[in-house]
Amino acid sequence: MPSTEWTWAWPWWWSLVIINIINFTLCIIIFVRSAKSGDTENRRYLRTMRILGLIFCAVSAYRSVFVSRYLTQLAWFDTVLNSTLLIRSFALFAELCFAGLIALCLLRFNRDIPGILNEKESGFPRFLKTGTPRFFFICIFAAQFFVFSGVITKIRVFFAIEETLWGLAFLSITPLVLMQLRKVFSFKDESSRKELVLFRAFTVVMAVFCVGYVIYSLGYHLPIEYWPSAIAQLQMEVPEPAIRLGAGAVRDAFFIVNVTRDLSAWGGIGFVIWHTGYFSVCVWMVLLFMSGPRRLKARV
């Protein structure tokens, strides 16, 4: 039987690279056009959104070429450019940019659309509307410390905590996203529909993503994939993979690359679906966010 290294591994890799070349080209076009926008009122907001989006798309393009897997330090190419620790460092900026884009969009919606915020509300109801976007970003920020620890030490519990924080982050904003979705579609007149076209797209995309991600994370990813294997590693007399500590662990995480293009070693179809979705669907979301979801001025 022919190896998966030569059957569909390379076609998959090339497909993902081409998708990201196209995505990055679109990112540059959006970046340049928004930079020339005459929307002086929202210039700072749009500048922030396009810079965050550019960083995310650039890192995604890089990671689509240099495929890697943190725990086992698998790499597509035998080069330090495919270093697990190097790629994790790039991913730090990309993930914070992704979280920042979402949080800013949610807060901008609250500012632009009347009826979401109620000044008389306090406590948990108000936190759901004003505090969860910030809580969401804090969770993603905190997750970075655990994933770096996992990359270096190979302790699975760190990865499980990281993924738990991601699940908690999206769970926290889901009620607000659904409230915003309901609110934006409550405007029926043609003028409002035109003004809110960017928010309508944003809320639909976020509602589908949040609900889907939370169900996947809480129903399968955490209880079946991550935590059982994390606990099992701690119970092993000889942990697999071996736990690494000290300066040598940092050096090895940077320099060691275990090259393979056998997709079964990467995790088979599960890895392919995850990796393809992350570096295509998430990039398309970011391209939408780069447009700066906001209430557009009605044309006179």
Protein backbone atom coordinates (compact mmCIF):
# COMPACT_ATOMS: atom_id res chain seq x y z
CA MET A 1 0.00 0.00 0.00
CA PRO A 2 1.49 3.42 -0.93
CA SER A 3 2.46 5.67 1.96
CA THR A 4 0.14 8.55 2.83
CA GLU A 5 3.23 10.71 2.48
CA TRP A 6 2.83 10.43 -1.28
CA THR A 7 -0.88 9.81 -1.77
CA TRP A 8 -2.67 12.85 -0.39
CA ALA A 9 -0.33 14.54 2.10
CA TRP A 10 1.33 16.76 -0.50
CA PRO A 11 -1.91 17.64 -2.36
CA TRP A 12 -3.44 18.60 1.01
CA TRP A 13 -0.39 20.71 1.91
CA TRP A 14 -0.36 22.47 -1.45
CA SER A 15 -4.11 23.15 -1.25
CA LEU A 16 -3.73 24.75 2.16
CA VAL A 17 -0.75 26.83 1.06
CA ILE A 18 -2.60 28.09 -2.04
CA ILE A 19 -5.66 28.96 0.06
CA ASN A 20 -3.47 30.98 2.40
CA ILE A 21 -1.68 32.74 -0.45
CA ILE A 22 -5.08 33.85 -1.74
CA ASN A 23 -6.21 34.80 1.77
CA PHE A 24 -3.08 36.82 2.44
CA THR A 25 -3.47 38.61 -0.90
CA LEU A 26 -7.04 39.54 0.07
CA CYS A 27 -5.74 40.67 3.45
CA ILE A 28 -3.26 43.03 1.80
CA ILE A 29 -5.99 44.43 -0.46
CA ILE A 30 -8.30 45.04 2.52
CA PHE A 31 -5.40 46.56 4.47
CA VAL A 32 -4.50 49.01 1.70
CA ARG A 33 -8.09 49.98 0.94
CA SER A 34 -8.97 50.58 4.57
CA ALA A 35 -5.79 52.64 4.97
CA LYS A 36 -7.05 54.92 2.20
CA SER A 37 -10.56 55.11 3.63
CA GLY A 38 -11.98 58.56 4.11
CA ASP A 39 -13.85 57.45 7.23
CA THR A 40 -12.03 59.86 9.56
CA GLU A 41 -14.51 59.28 12.42
CA ASN A 42 -13.52 55.62 12.66
CA ARG A 43 -9.90 55.89 11.52
CA ARG A 44 -8.35 54.67 14.78
CA TYR A 45 -10.75 51.72 15.03
CA LEU A 46 -10.18 50.67 11.42
CA ARG A 47 -6.41 51.04 11.74
CA THR A 48 -6.38 48.77 14.79
CA MET A 49 -8.58 46.17 13.09
CA ARG A 50 -6.51 46.02 9.92
CA ILE A 51 -3.19 45.77 11.81
CA LEU A 52 -4.48 42.93 14.01
CA GLY A 53 -5.89 41.19 10.94
CA LEU A 54 -2.65 41.55 8.99
CA ILE A 55 -0.65 39.95 11.80
CA PHE A 56 -3.06 37.02 12.08
CA CYS A 57 -3.14 36.38 8.32
CA ALA A 58 0.65 36.60 8.02
CA VAL A 59 1.17 34.05 10.80
CA SER A 60 -1.49 31.77 9.30
CA ALA A 61 0.26 31.87 5.93
CA TYR A 62 3.57 30.99 7.60
CA ARG A 63 2.06 28.14 9.61
CA SER A 64 0.29 26.71 6.56
CA VAL A 65 3.73 26.24 4.99
CA PHE A 66 5.60 25.07 8.11
CA VAL A 67 3.11 22.58 9.54
CA SER A 68 3.94 21.60 13.11
CA ARG A 69 2.58 19.75 16.13
CA TYR A 70 3.54 20.97 19.57
CA LEU A 71 3.62 17.91 21.83
CA THR A 72 5.56 15.58 19.54
CA GLN A 73 7.46 18.36 17.72
CA LEU A 74 6.46 16.99 14.35
CA ALA A 75 7.53 19.17 11.43
CA TRP A 76 6.88 19.25 7.71
CA PHE A 77 10.42 20.43 6.87
CA ASP A 78 13.84 19.77 8.38
CA THR A 79 14.68 23.36 9.25
CA VAL A 80 14.68 25.60 12.31
CA LEU A 81 12.00 27.62 10.50
CA ASN A 82 9.72 24.70 11.34
CA SER A 83 10.76 24.85 15.02
CA THR A 84 7.90 24.15 17.43
CA LEU A 85 8.92 26.90 19.84
CA LEU A 86 9.42 29.41 17.03
CA ILE A 87 6.00 28.70 15.57
CA ARG A 88 4.43 28.84 19.03
CA SER A 89 5.97 32.30 19.47
CA PHE A 90 4.37 33.46 16.21
CA ALA A 91 1.07 31.87 17.26
CA LEU A 92 1.12 33.92 20.48
CA PHE A 93 0.71 37.14 18.49
CA ALA A 94 -1.80 35.64 16.07
CA GLU A 95 -4.08 34.30 18.79
CA LEU A 96 -4.03 37.54 20.76
CA CYS A 97 -4.86 39.41 17.55
CA PHE A 98 -7.75 37.01 16.88
CA ALA A 99 -9.09 37.52 20.40
CA GLY A 100 -8.59 41.27 20.16
CA LEU A 101 -10.52 41.49 16.90
CA ILE A 102 -13.49 39.63 18.37
CA ALA A 103 -13.50 41.59 21.63
CA LEU A 104 -13.30 44.94 19.81
CA CYS A 105 -16.16 43.98 17.47
CA LEU A 106 -18.38 42.96 20.39
CA LEU A 107 -17.68 46.20 22.26
CA ARG A 108 -18.21 48.26 19.11
CA PHE A 109 -21.62 46.64 18.62
CA ASN A 110 -22.61 47.64 22.16
CA ARG A 111 -21.57 51.21 21.40
CA ASP A 112 -23.24 51.54 18.00
CA ILE A 113 -26.53 49.72 18.51
CA PRO A 114 -29.03 51.09 21.03
CA GLY A 115 -30.97 48.69 23.21
CA ILE A 116 -28.24 46.21 24.16
CA LEU A 117 -26.97 48.14 27.17
CA ASN A 118 -29.28 49.26 29.94
CA GLU A 119 -27.80 51.74 32.39
CA LYS A 120 -30.09 50.44 35.14
CA GLU A 121 -28.66 46.92 34.88
CA SER A 122 -25.95 45.81 37.26
CA GLY A 123 -24.27 42.65 38.46
CA PHE A 124 -24.19 39.57 36.26
CA PRO A 125 -26.60 40.83 33.52
CA ARG A 126 -24.38 43.85 32.95
CA PHE A 127 -21.22 41.70 33.08
CA LEU A 128 -22.63 39.52 30.28
CA LYS A 129 -22.91 42.58 28.06
CA THR A 130 -19.89 44.67 29.01
CA GLY A 131 -17.48 42.38 30.86
CA THR A 132 -17.44 39.20 28.80
CA PRO A 133 -15.52 40.64 25.80
CA ARG A 134 -12.71 41.61 28.19
CA PHE A 135 -12.98 38.31 30.09
CA PHE A 136 -12.76 36.52 26.72
CA PHE A 137 -9.50 38.29 25.88
CA ILE A 138 -8.06 37.63 29.36
CA CYS A 139 -8.78 33.89 28.97
CA ILE A 140 -6.96 33.74 25.62
CA PHE A 141 -4.08 35.74 27.08
CA ALA A 142 -3.81 33.44 30.10
CA ALA A 143 -3.91 30.38 27.84
CA GLN A 144 -0.62 31.46 26.25
CA PHE A 145 1.33 30.81 29.45
CA PHE A 146 0.05 27.24 29.66
CA VAL A 147 0.63 26.33 26.03
CA PHE A 148 4.22 27.62 26.17
CA SER A 149 4.74 25.55 29.32
CA GLY A 150 3.35 22.51 27.52
CA VAL A 151 5.52 23.04 24.45
CA ILE A 152 8.65 23.16 26.60
CA THR A 153 7.92 20.56 29.30
CA LYS A 154 5.68 18.17 27.28
CA ILE A 155 3.25 18.01 30.24
CA ARG A 156 -0.17 17.34 28.71
CA VAL A 157 -2.04 19.00 31.60
CA PHE A 158 -0.75 22.40 30.42
CA PHE A 159 -2.31 21.83 27.00
CA ALA A 160 -5.56 20.68 28.63
CA ILE A 161 -5.71 23.87 30.72
CA GLU A 162 -4.99 25.95 27.62
CA GLU A 163 -7.84 24.33 25.70
CA THR A 164 -10.13 24.68 28.72
CA LEU A 165 -9.45 28.42 28.77
CA TRP A 166 -10.30 28.64 25.06
CA GLY A 167 -13.57 26.81 25.67
CA LEU A 168 -14.38 29.03 28.65
CA ALA A 169 -13.56 32.12 26.60
CA PHE A 170 -16.05 31.32 23.84
CA LEU A 171 -18.64 30.07 26.31
CA SER A 172 -18.47 33.41 28.11
CA ILE A 173 -19.28 35.52 25.02
CA THR A 174 -21.91 33.22 23.52
CA PRO A 175 -24.87 34.81 25.39
CA LEU A 176 -23.79 38.29 24.28
CA VAL A 177 -23.31 37.13 20.69
CA LEU A 178 -26.81 35.64 20.62
CA MET A 179 -28.28 38.82 22.14
CA GLN A 180 -26.52 40.90 19.51
CA LEU A 181 -27.70 38.56 16.75
CA ARG A 182 -31.30 38.91 17.89
CA LYS A 183 -31.00 42.67 18.21
CA VAL A 184 -29.43 43.35 14.82
CA PHE A 185 -32.09 41.29 13.02
CA SER A 186 -34.87 43.12 14.86
CA PHE A 187 -34.35 46.13 12.59
CA LYS A 188 -36.61 45.56 9.59
CA ASP A 189 -36.56 48.87 7.70
CA GLU A 190 -34.38 49.10 4.60
CA SER A 191 -32.29 52.00 5.89
CA SER A 192 -31.28 50.16 9.07
CA ARG A 193 -30.53 46.98 7.15
CA LYS A 194 -28.03 48.87 4.99
CA GLU A 195 -26.45 50.60 7.96
CA LEU A 196 -26.07 47.33 9.87
CA VAL A 197 -24.91 45.07 7.03
CA LEU A 198 -21.45 44.58 8.60
CA PHE A 199 -22.90 43.83 12.03
CA ARG A 200 -25.39 41.39 10.52
CA ALA A 201 -22.55 39.45 8.89
CA PHE A 202 -20.46 39.61 12.06
CA THR A 203 -23.19 38.36 14.39
CA VAL A 204 -24.21 35.48 12.10
CA VAL A 205 -20.61 34.29 11.73
CA MET A 206 -19.89 34.63 15.45
CA ALA A 207 -23.12 32.90 16.51
CA VAL A 208 -22.41 29.88 14.30
CA PHE A 209 -18.77 29.72 15.38
CA CYS A 210 -19.42 30.19 19.12
CA VAL A 211 -22.21 27.64 19.35
CA GLY A 212 -20.30 25.13 17.24
CA TYR A 213 -17.03 25.62 19.11
CA VAL A 214 -18.60 25.43 22.57
CA ILE A 215 -20.46 22.20 21.72
CA TYR A 216 -17.29 20.69 20.24
CA SER A 217 -15.09 21.86 23.11
CA LEU A 218 -17.30 20.88 26.04
CA GLY A 219 -18.83 17.80 24.43
CA TYR A 220 -15.78 16.17 22.84
CA HIS A 221 -12.50 18.09 22.74
CA LEU A 222 -11.97 18.51 26.48
CA PRO A 223 -13.67 15.46 28.08
CA ILE A 224 -12.60 12.91 25.46
CA GLU A 225 -9.43 14.18 23.76
CA TYR A 226 -7.50 16.32 26.22
CA TRP A 227 -8.18 15.68 29.90
CA PRO A 228 -8.15 11.84 29.87
CA SER A 229 -4.76 11.73 28.12
CA ALA A 230 -3.43 14.51 30.38
CA ILE A 231 -4.41 12.64 33.54
CA ALA A 232 -3.13 9.34 32.12
CA GLN A 233 0.33 10.85 31.50
CA LEU A 234 0.60 11.94 35.14
CA GLN A 235 -0.30 8.41 36.28
CA MET A 236 2.38 6.70 34.16
CA GLU A 237 5.51 5.39 35.84
CA VAL A 238 7.37 6.45 32.73
CA PRO A 239 5.45 9.40 31.23
CA GLU A 240 4.84 9.38 27.48
CA PRO A 241 6.03 11.68 26.09
CA ALA A 242 8.85 12.17 28.56
CA ILE A 243 8.54 15.27 30.72
CA ARG A 244 11.28 17.82 30.12
CA LEU A 245 12.51 20.54 32.50
CA GLY A 246 15.26 23.15 32.59
CA ALA A 247 17.21 25.07 29.97
CA GLY A 248 17.75 21.93 27.93
CA ALA A 249 14.00 21.59 27.47
CA VAL A 250 13.80 25.11 26.01
CA ARG A 251 16.71 24.40 23.68
CA ASP A 252 15.22 21.14 22.49
CA ALA A 253 11.80 22.71 21.93
CA PHE A 254 13.45 25.22 19.63
CA PHE A 255 15.93 23.08 17.73
CA ILE A 256 14.48 19.55 17.52
CA VAL A 257 12.20 18.89 14.55
CA ASN A 258 10.81 15.40 13.89
CA VAL A 259 10.16 15.47 10.17
CA THR A 260 7.35 13.35 8.74
CA ARG A 261 4.71 13.75 6.07
CA ASP A 262 2.85 10.59 7.01
CA LEU A 263 -0.50 12.03 8.00
CA SER A 264 -1.31 9.04 10.18
CA ALA A 265 1.56 10.16 12.44
CA TRP A 266 0.04 13.63 12.65
CA GLY A 267 -3.34 12.30 13.77
CA GLY A 268 -4.96 11.29 10.51
CA ILE A 269 -8.19 12.83 9.28
CA GLY A 270 -8.88 14.51 12.63
CA PHE A 271 -5.70 16.57 12.38
CA VAL A 272 -6.35 17.39 8.72
CA ILE A 273 -9.86 18.68 9.46
CA TRP A 274 -8.67 20.76 12.42
CA HIS A 275 -5.61 22.18 10.68
CA THR A 276 -7.48 22.96 7.46
CA GLY A 277 -10.34 24.63 9.33
CA TYR A 278 -8.05 26.70 11.53
CA PHE A 279 -6.06 28.06 8.61
CA SER A 280 -8.99 28.67 6.30
CA VAL A 281 -12.24 29.36 8.19
CA CYS A 282 -10.57 31.39 10.95
CA VAL A 283 -8.71 33.45 8.35
CA TRP A 284 -11.96 34.15 6.50
CA MET A 285 -13.47 35.32 9.78
CA VAL A 286 -10.52 37.65 10.31
CA LEU A 287 -10.90 39.09 6.80
CA LEU A 288 -14.47 39.99 7.76
CA PHE A 289 -13.36 41.53 11.05
CA MET A 290 -10.74 43.61 9.23
CA SER A 291 -13.57 45.49 7.52
CA GLY A 292 -14.30 47.00 10.92
CA PRO A 293 -17.88 45.94 11.74
CA ARG A 294 -19.70 49.15 12.66
CA ARG A 295 -22.87 51.07 11.93
CA LEU A 296 -22.45 52.61 8.51
CA LYS A 297 -23.68 56.10 7.79
CA ALA A 298 -26.92 56.20 5.85
CA ARG A 299 -26.47 57.53 2.33
CA VAL A 300 -28.40 60.66 1.67
